[in-house]
C-alpha cells in the first residue's frame, strides 16, 4: 500500500509530491491529505477544555486482534487481517468504555488529526438534537422558518425533519465518480476544489440554486447538501457558527483531549457535511457518548434506534438495501442490524467509521484512506469485524 511519506516534501515541494485543491482527493494523495487538512484550506478550530478531559482507561486485549471474521468473499480472516487489507490509518475498540484495542498505522499517531468526512454529519446531527431538546429548533417546522433564503429553491416546502433524515426531494446526486454530479460541483463552491467561472461563492449560496427532483418525504436519498442546510438551520437558530456549537454542546461536554477543526468555505462557512478532523481517541469518546446516551438527549437516540415504520420503508426500496439489509437512516445516523442487535453507525467516504452497539457495549472507530471513495467489500468486512469483536467480548 502507498504511503504518504513522499507527499509535500522539499522546499518548495517538487511537482511530483505536490498536493493541492486540484488533486488532494486523488487515490495517491488521500492518505497525506486526510492528516493535513489545515494545510490545504482554511479551518475553524473546535476547542476542547483541558479541565474536562474524560479519561479513557486502557486494558489492551491481544485476543481482539485474532477475532475470526467471515469476509464478504466467503474467506475467513482475523480482525487484524481485515484492518491490514482495508487501508487502515487508526483503529480503536472500546468495550464498556475501556480501550481493548488501539492501533496506529502508516505514520499515524494518537495525536494526528484525521479527516472524518461524513462522520461529521452525525456530529452535526447531535448538535441539532440538543437544540431540538432545548426548544431552539422545531423538527417539524419548515426549513424556511430559519433560512428563508432557500424558499425559491428545491428546499422550499421541506421541513427540518426531512433534512435530518435525508428525505427531501432536492435534485442532488451523490455520485462521487461523476465530475458533473452536484456533490462535486458543490465542492467547488465550498472550496474543496478549484472554482470554475460562474460557480456560486460559498456553500450556502450554492444551496439556494438547487432544484427539485421529487416531493419531500419520499424515499431516503443520501444528499450531503441536506446536512449543509441542517448546519445552516442550527447556525441561524442560535446565531452561533458550527465550530462553536460543536465545541460547547459536544466536544467540551464529552471530555475531548484535543481540539478538532472543521474546514470552511471562501466566505467562512463551515463545511457541515464532511469537514471535521479529529484524533482517533476523541472520535472514540464521541462513539461512547452515543452508547451511554449522555450529552445527546436519550430520547433523540432512542427515536433513531426505534424510528417510525415509514423510515425503514423509505430505506428498503433504495440501492442501499442490498448493501445494508434491514437498515435505515435517521437523525444523520445509519443503522445496521446484525445477529446480536442493531448497530448505530457513522460513515464517511474513503473508510471512516464509528460503530456503536448497545447489546455488546462495544464502540469501534476506524479511520482510513481507501483509494476510492466507496468500496462495498471494505465496508461490509469492517462492519462484520466490529460485530464479531463485539460478540466475542460479550461472550
Protein backbone atom coordinates (compact mmCIF):
# COMPACT_ATOMS: atom_id res chain seq x y z
CA UNK A 1 0.00 0.00 0.00
CA UNK A 2 1.15 3.51 -0.77
CA UNK A 3 2.43 5.71 1.99
CA UNK A 4 2.19 9.47 2.39
CA UNK A 5 5.86 9.92 3.22
CA UNK A 6 6.76 11.31 -0.21
CA UNK A 7 3.99 13.93 -0.33
CA UNK A 8 4.75 17.64 0.11
CA UNK A 9 8.50 17.10 0.56
CA UNK A 10 11.13 19.65 -0.38
CA UNK A 11 11.43 23.42 -0.05
CA UNK A 12 9.36 24.10 -2.10
CA UNK A 13 7.82 20.67 -2.75
CA UNK A 14 8.70 19.03 -6.04
CA UNK A 15 5.90 18.94 -8.61
CA UNK A 16 5.51 15.18 -8.27
CA UNK A 17 4.99 15.44 -4.49
CA UNK A 18 2.69 18.49 -4.51
CA UNK A 19 -0.81 18.14 -3.03
CA UNK A 20 -3.29 20.95 -3.67
CA UNK A 21 -7.03 21.52 -4.14
CA UNK A 22 -7.00 20.04 -7.63
CA UNK A 23 -5.73 16.64 -6.51
CA UNK A 24 -5.97 16.12 -2.76
CA UNK A 25 -8.79 13.59 -3.19
CA UNK A 26 -6.85 11.55 -5.74
CA UNK A 27 -6.12 7.97 -4.67
CA UNK A 28 -2.40 8.63 -4.32
CA UNK A 29 -2.90 11.69 -2.10
CA UNK A 30 -5.75 10.93 0.30
CA UNK A 31 -3.56 9.36 3.00
CA UNK A 32 -1.45 12.52 3.28
CA UNK A 33 -4.32 14.95 2.73
CA UNK A 34 -6.65 13.50 5.35
CA UNK A 35 -4.00 14.22 8.00
CA UNK A 36 -3.13 17.73 6.80
CA UNK A 37 -6.41 19.47 6.04
CA UNK A 38 -5.27 22.63 7.83
CA UNK A 39 -2.52 22.97 5.23
CA UNK A 40 -4.88 22.63 2.28
CA UNK A 41 -7.73 25.01 3.13
CA UNK A 42 -8.95 27.34 5.89
CA UNK A 43 -10.40 25.81 9.04
CA UNK A 44 -12.22 26.83 12.20
CA UNK A 45 -10.92 25.39 15.47
CA UNK A 46 -13.30 23.31 17.62
CA UNK A 47 -11.78 23.77 21.09
CA UNK A 48 -11.92 21.30 23.92
CA UNK A 49 -11.16 22.21 27.52
CA UNK A 50 -8.24 20.55 29.33
CA UNK A 51 -10.11 20.89 32.65
CA UNK A 52 -12.77 18.43 31.49
CA UNK A 53 -10.82 15.74 29.62
CA UNK A 54 -12.55 12.39 30.08
CA UNK A 55 -10.06 9.59 30.82
CA UNK A 56 -10.15 6.61 28.51
CA UNK A 57 -8.95 3.63 30.56
CA UNK A 58 -6.96 1.06 28.63
CA UNK A 59 -6.75 -2.71 29.10
CA UNK A 60 -5.48 -3.95 25.76
CA UNK A 61 -6.66 -7.45 24.93
CA UNK A 62 -4.33 -9.25 22.48
CA UNK A 63 -7.09 -11.68 21.54
CA UNK A 64 -9.17 -8.89 19.95
CA UNK A 65 -6.70 -8.80 17.04
CA UNK A 66 -7.21 -12.51 16.37
CA UNK A 67 -11.02 -12.48 16.35
CA UNK A 68 -12.14 -14.64 13.40
CA UNK A 69 -14.22 -12.94 10.70
CA UNK A 70 -16.02 -14.27 7.65
CA UNK A 71 -15.43 -11.75 4.89
CA UNK A 72 -17.86 -10.84 2.12
CA UNK A 73 -16.00 -13.08 -0.33
CA UNK A 74 -16.54 -16.05 1.99
CA UNK A 75 -12.94 -16.30 3.20
CA UNK A 76 -12.01 -16.44 6.88
CA UNK A 77 -9.65 -13.85 8.34
CA UNK A 78 -8.65 -12.33 11.64
CA UNK A 79 -9.58 -8.82 12.65
CA UNK A 80 -6.00 -7.72 12.04
CA UNK A 81 -6.13 -9.20 8.54
CA UNK A 82 -9.16 -7.05 7.78
CA UNK A 83 -7.52 -3.91 9.17
CA UNK A 84 -4.34 -4.57 7.20
CA UNK A 85 -6.27 -5.10 3.98
CA UNK A 86 -8.52 -2.04 4.16
CA UNK A 87 -6.09 0.90 4.26
CA UNK A 88 -6.47 1.50 8.00
CA UNK A 89 -4.82 4.59 9.49
CA UNK A 90 -6.13 4.32 13.06
CA UNK A 91 -8.21 1.71 14.87
CA UNK A 92 -9.79 1.72 18.33
CA UNK A 93 -12.17 -0.67 20.05
CA UNK A 94 -13.84 0.17 23.36
CA UNK A 95 -15.73 -2.33 25.49
CA UNK A 96 -17.68 -0.98 28.45
CA UNK A 97 -15.80 2.30 28.00
CA UNK A 98 -12.32 0.74 28.15
CA UNK A 99 -9.88 0.58 25.22
CA UNK A 100 -9.25 -3.06 24.36
CA UNK A 101 -7.52 -2.46 21.01
CA UNK A 102 -5.71 0.61 19.72
CA UNK A 103 -3.56 0.74 16.59
CA UNK A 104 -1.93 3.49 14.54
CA UNK A 105 -0.65 2.56 11.11
CA UNK A 106 1.23 4.11 8.21
CA UNK A 107 2.61 7.01 10.22
CA UNK A 108 -0.50 7.89 12.23
CA UNK A 109 -0.12 8.68 15.95
CA UNK A 110 -2.57 9.25 18.82
CA UNK A 111 -2.11 12.98 18.28
CA UNK A 112 -2.62 13.08 14.50
CA UNK A 113 -5.92 14.66 13.42
CA UNK A 114 -7.66 12.81 10.60
CA UNK A 115 -10.46 13.96 8.31
CA UNK A 116 -13.74 12.31 9.32
CA UNK A 117 -15.58 13.02 6.09
CA UNK A 118 -19.30 12.28 6.64
CA UNK A 119 -18.88 11.14 10.23
CA UNK A 120 -19.09 14.94 10.57
CA UNK A 121 -22.77 14.66 9.63
CA UNK A 122 -23.50 12.63 12.75
CA UNK A 123 -21.77 15.23 14.93
CA UNK A 124 -23.84 18.00 13.35
CA UNK A 125 -26.92 15.82 13.83
CA UNK A 126 -26.14 15.63 17.55
CA UNK A 127 -25.90 19.41 17.72
CA UNK A 128 -29.33 19.57 16.09
CA UNK A 129 -30.72 17.02 18.58
CA UNK A 130 -29.55 19.06 21.55
CA UNK A 131 -31.05 22.22 20.06
CA UNK A 132 -34.35 20.39 19.46
CA UNK A 133 -34.42 19.27 23.10
CA UNK A 134 -33.80 22.83 24.24
CA UNK A 135 -36.67 24.11 22.10
CA UNK A 136 -34.40 26.17 19.86
CA UNK A 137 -35.29 24.18 16.72
CA UNK A 138 -38.64 22.63 15.83
CA UNK A 139 -38.01 19.50 13.74
CA UNK A 140 -41.46 19.74 12.17
CA UNK A 141 -41.03 23.37 11.11
CA UNK A 142 -40.25 24.27 7.50
CA UNK A 143 -36.58 24.97 6.94
CA UNK A 144 -37.58 28.40 5.62
CA UNK A 145 -38.61 29.37 9.16
CA UNK A 146 -34.87 29.55 9.86
CA UNK A 147 -33.41 30.01 6.38
CA UNK A 148 -35.86 31.96 4.22
CA UNK A 149 -33.18 32.27 1.53
CA UNK A 150 -33.98 28.77 0.24
CA UNK A 151 -37.71 29.42 -0.33
CA UNK A 152 -37.28 29.56 -4.11
CA UNK A 153 -35.01 26.52 -4.30
CA UNK A 154 -35.70 22.79 -4.18
CA UNK A 155 -35.79 23.13 -0.38
CA UNK A 156 -39.00 25.19 -0.47
CA UNK A 157 -41.62 23.23 1.48
CA UNK A 158 -39.09 20.89 3.17
CA UNK A 159 -39.09 20.51 6.94
CA UNK A 160 -36.17 20.18 9.32
CA UNK A 161 -37.19 16.53 9.76
CA UNK A 162 -36.82 15.99 6.01
CA UNK A 163 -33.22 17.19 6.04
CA UNK A 164 -32.41 15.27 9.24
CA UNK A 165 -33.46 12.00 7.58
CA UNK A 166 -32.34 12.90 4.04
CA UNK A 167 -35.82 12.60 2.63
CA UNK A 168 -36.02 15.90 0.80
CA UNK A 169 -36.93 15.96 -2.87
CA UNK A 170 -33.98 18.15 -3.81
CA UNK A 171 -32.15 17.42 -7.07
CA UNK A 172 -28.73 16.39 -5.80
CA UNK A 173 -26.60 13.46 -6.96
CA UNK A 174 -24.05 12.00 -4.54
CA UNK A 175 -22.15 10.29 -7.37
CA UNK A 176 -18.51 10.72 -6.39
CA UNK A 177 -17.01 9.45 -9.64
CA UNK A 178 -19.05 11.81 -11.85
CA UNK A 179 -17.35 15.19 -12.26
CA UNK A 180 -20.65 16.93 -13.05
CA UNK A 181 -22.57 15.46 -10.09
CA UNK A 182 -23.96 18.06 -7.71
CA UNK A 183 -21.78 16.80 -4.86
CA UNK A 184 -18.65 17.60 -6.88
CA UNK A 185 -20.00 20.95 -8.10
CA UNK A 186 -20.87 21.93 -4.51
CA UNK A 187 -17.27 21.14 -3.51
CA UNK A 188 -16.09 23.91 -5.82
CA UNK A 189 -18.35 26.45 -4.09
CA UNK A 190 -17.22 25.28 -0.64
CA UNK A 191 -13.52 25.49 -1.51
CA UNK A 192 -12.77 21.76 -1.69
CA UNK A 193 -11.93 22.01 -5.40
CA UNK A 194 -10.71 24.86 -7.61
CA UNK A 195 -13.65 27.08 -8.59
CA UNK A 196 -14.88 27.48 -12.14
CA UNK A 197 -16.32 30.60 -13.73
CA UNK A 198 -19.91 31.11 -12.70
CA UNK A 199 -19.79 28.93 -9.58
CA UNK A 200 -21.68 30.33 -6.58
CA UNK A 201 -19.24 31.52 -3.93
CA UNK A 202 -19.81 29.66 -0.69
CA UNK A 203 -21.81 26.56 0.23
CA UNK A 204 -24.91 28.45 1.31
CA UNK A 205 -25.10 30.38 -1.95
CA UNK A 206 -24.87 27.05 -3.74
CA UNK A 207 -27.75 25.54 -1.74
CA UNK A 208 -30.10 28.29 -2.95
CA UNK A 209 -29.51 27.17 -6.57
CA UNK A 210 -30.60 23.53 -6.16
CA UNK A 211 -33.72 22.39 -7.95
CA UNK A 212 -36.44 19.81 -7.33
CA UNK A 213 -36.34 16.12 -8.26
CA UNK A 214 -39.38 14.81 -6.35
CA UNK A 215 -41.74 15.59 -3.49
CA UNK A 216 -40.38 15.89 0.04
CA UNK A 217 -40.90 12.99 2.42
CA UNK A 218 -40.29 10.24 -0.11
CA UNK A 219 -37.51 7.63 -0.24
CA UNK A 220 -34.23 8.05 1.59
CA UNK A 221 -31.64 9.51 -0.79
CA UNK A 222 -28.19 10.29 0.54
CA UNK A 223 -27.58 14.01 -0.04
CA UNK A 224 -24.68 15.85 1.60
CA UNK A 225 -26.46 19.09 0.78
CA UNK A 226 -29.19 18.20 3.30
CA UNK A 227 -26.62 18.23 6.13
CA UNK A 228 -25.23 21.55 4.94
CA UNK A 229 -28.71 23.01 5.14
CA UNK A 230 -29.19 21.42 8.58
CA UNK A 231 -25.99 23.14 9.72
CA UNK A 232 -27.28 26.44 8.35
CA UNK A 233 -30.52 25.95 10.32
CA UNK A 234 -28.52 25.33 13.52
CA UNK A 235 -26.36 28.41 12.99
CA UNK A 236 -29.28 30.66 12.10
CA UNK A 237 -31.40 29.43 15.04
CA UNK A 238 -28.62 30.13 17.55
CA UNK A 239 -26.68 32.96 15.96
CA UNK A 240 -23.54 30.85 16.50
CA UNK A 241 -21.17 29.28 14.00
CA UNK A 242 -20.92 25.50 13.85
CA UNK A 243 -17.38 25.22 15.25
CA UNK A 244 -18.50 26.92 18.43
CA UNK A 245 -21.72 24.91 18.62
CA UNK A 246 -19.81 21.62 18.37
CA UNK A 247 -17.30 22.83 20.95
CA UNK A 248 -19.88 23.98 23.51
CA UNK A 249 -22.50 21.26 23.03
CA UNK A 250 -20.42 18.17 22.23
CA UNK A 251 -16.63 18.47 22.34
CA UNK A 252 -16.17 20.01 25.78
CA UNK A 253 -19.02 18.11 27.50
CA UNK A 254 -17.76 14.74 26.16
CA UNK A 255 -14.26 15.43 27.54
CA UNK A 256 -12.23 15.70 24.32
CA UNK A 257 -8.49 15.73 24.88
CA UNK A 258 -7.58 17.63 21.67
CA UNK A 259 -9.08 20.44 19.65
CA UNK A 260 -10.75 19.36 16.44
CA UNK A 261 -11.26 21.58 13.43
CA UNK A 262 -13.67 21.99 10.55
CA UNK A 263 -12.89 23.27 7.08
CA UNK A 264 -14.66 26.41 5.96
CA UNK A 265 -15.57 27.80 2.56
CA UNK A 266 -14.29 31.03 0.92
CA UNK A 267 -16.74 33.15 2.94
CA UNK A 268 -16.01 31.43 6.27
CA UNK A 269 -18.94 28.98 6.42
CA UNK A 270 -18.21 25.56 7.91
CA UNK A 271 -18.44 22.50 5.69
CA UNK A 272 -21.01 20.68 7.82
CA UNK A 273 -21.32 17.59 5.65
CA UNK A 274 -17.74 16.33 5.95
CA UNK A 275 -15.22 18.88 7.12
CA UNK A 276 -14.34 17.84 10.69
CA UNK A 277 -10.89 16.46 11.54
CA UNK A 278 -10.14 14.93 14.96
CA UNK A 279 -7.81 12.49 16.70
CA UNK A 280 -8.96 8.89 16.97
CA UNK A 281 -9.38 8.84 20.75
CA UNK A 282 -11.76 11.77 20.62
CA UNK A 283 -13.75 10.05 17.88
CA UNK A 284 -13.96 7.08 20.26
CA UNK A 285 -15.21 9.39 23.01
CA UNK A 286 -17.91 10.56 20.60
CA UNK A 287 -18.91 6.96 19.98
CA UNK A 288 -19.00 6.28 23.72
CA UNK A 289 -21.32 9.23 24.38
CA UNK A 290 -23.70 7.78 21.78
CA UNK A 291 -23.55 4.42 23.55
CA UNK A 292 -24.05 5.91 27.01
CA UNK A 293 -26.82 8.30 25.98
CA UNK A 294 -25.08 11.19 27.71
CA UNK A 295 -25.00 14.77 26.40
CA UNK A 296 -27.11 13.93 23.35
CA UNK A 297 -30.72 13.57 24.57
CA UNK A 298 -31.56 9.89 25.20
CA UNK A 299 -34.94 10.38 23.53
CA UNK A 300 -33.23 11.63 20.37
CA UNK A 301 -31.10 8.48 20.22
CA UNK A 302 -33.97 6.15 21.14
CA UNK A 303 -36.09 7.68 18.38
CA UNK A 304 -33.27 6.99 15.93
CA UNK A 305 -32.75 3.42 17.13
CA UNK A 306 -36.53 2.77 17.06
CA UNK A 307 -37.90 5.00 14.30
CA UNK A 308 -41.39 5.19 12.81
CA UNK A 309 -42.13 2.47 10.27
CA UNK A 310 -42.01 4.83 7.31
CA UNK A 311 -38.31 5.49 7.99
CA UNK A 312 -37.50 1.83 7.41
CA UNK A 313 -39.81 1.78 4.38
CA UNK A 314 -38.05 4.82 2.91
CA UNK A 315 -34.75 2.91 3.03
CA UNK A 316 -35.97 -0.52 1.95
CA UNK A 317 -36.62 0.32 -1.70
CA UNK A 318 -33.30 2.04 -2.33
CA UNK A 319 -29.96 0.76 -3.60
CA UNK A 320 -28.65 0.94 -0.02
CA UNK A 321 -30.78 -2.06 1.00
CA UNK A 322 -28.67 -4.76 -0.73
CA UNK A 323 -25.52 -3.46 0.99
CA UNK A 324 -27.07 -2.84 4.43
CA UNK A 325 -30.09 -5.16 4.50
CA UNK A 326 -32.70 -4.28 7.08
CA UNK A 327 -31.06 -0.92 7.73
CA UNK A 328 -32.34 2.63 7.94
CA UNK A 329 -31.19 6.26 8.25
CA UNK A 330 -32.42 8.60 10.98
CA UNK A 331 -31.14 11.83 12.58
CA UNK A 332 -27.92 11.69 10.50
CA UNK A 333 -27.06 8.14 11.63
CA UNK A 334 -27.04 4.83 9.77
CA UNK A 335 -28.48 1.73 11.47
CA UNK A 336 -27.36 -1.79 10.59
CA UNK A 337 -29.00 -4.88 12.14
CA UNK A 338 -26.89 -7.93 12.94
CA UNK A 339 -27.48 -11.19 14.79
CA UNK A 340 -26.83 -9.53 18.16
CA UNK A 341 -28.98 -6.43 17.75
CA UNK A 342 -28.65 -3.23 15.76
CA UNK A 343 -25.54 -1.08 15.38
CA UNK A 344 -25.65 2.70 15.09
CA UNK A 345 -23.02 3.61 12.51
CA UNK A 346 -21.48 6.91 11.46
CA UNK A 347 -19.92 6.64 8.00
CA UNK A 348 -17.61 8.71 5.82
CA UNK A 349 -16.22 8.02 2.39
CA UNK A 350 -12.73 6.57 2.00
CA UNK A 351 -13.37 4.37 5.04
CA UNK A 352 -14.26 6.48 8.08
CA UNK A 353 -16.48 4.71 10.62
CA UNK A 354 -17.83 4.90 14.16
CA UNK A 355 -19.60 1.69 15.20
CA UNK A 356 -21.83 1.71 18.30
CA UNK A 357 -23.50 -1.49 19.52
CA UNK A 358 -25.71 -1.29 22.60
CA UNK A 359 -26.20 -5.02 23.15
CA UNK A 360 -22.47 -5.79 23.33
CA UNK A 361 -21.44 -2.41 24.83
CA UNK A 362 -18.91 -2.01 22.02
CA UNK A 363 -17.60 1.08 20.23
CA UNK A 364 -15.36 0.77 17.19
CA UNK A 365 -13.50 3.55 15.37
CA UNK A 366 -11.75 3.10 12.04
CA UNK A 367 -10.05 5.97 10.21
CA UNK A 368 -8.87 5.01 6.75
CA UNK A 369 -7.60 6.17 3.39
CA UNK A 370 -9.28 3.89 0.87
CA UNK A 371 -8.10 4.88 -2.61
CA UNK A 372 -11.72 5.02 -3.84
CA UNK A 373 -14.50 6.94 -2.09
CA UNK A 374 -16.70 3.86 -1.75
CA UNK A 375 -15.93 0.14 -1.55
CA UNK A 376 -18.76 -2.20 -0.53
CA UNK A 377 -16.40 -5.07 0.32
CA UNK A 378 -14.29 -2.94 2.66
CA UNK A 379 -17.43 -1.53 4.27
CA UNK A 380 -19.11 -4.88 4.88
CA UNK A 381 -15.89 -6.53 6.06
CA UNK A 382 -15.36 -3.71 8.56
CA UNK A 383 -18.92 -3.96 9.87
CA UNK A 384 -18.60 -7.72 10.21
CA UNK A 385 -15.29 -7.37 12.04
CA UNK A 386 -16.63 -4.92 14.61
CA UNK A 387 -19.69 -7.15 15.01
CA UNK A 388 -17.53 -10.25 15.56
CA UNK A 389 -15.32 -8.42 18.06
CA UNK A 390 -18.36 -7.22 20.00
CA UNK A 391 -19.83 -10.70 20.11
CA UNK A 392 -16.53 -12.18 21.29
CA UNK A 393 -16.07 -9.56 24.00
CA UNK A 394 -19.64 -10.06 25.16
CA UNK A 395 -19.13 -13.82 25.41
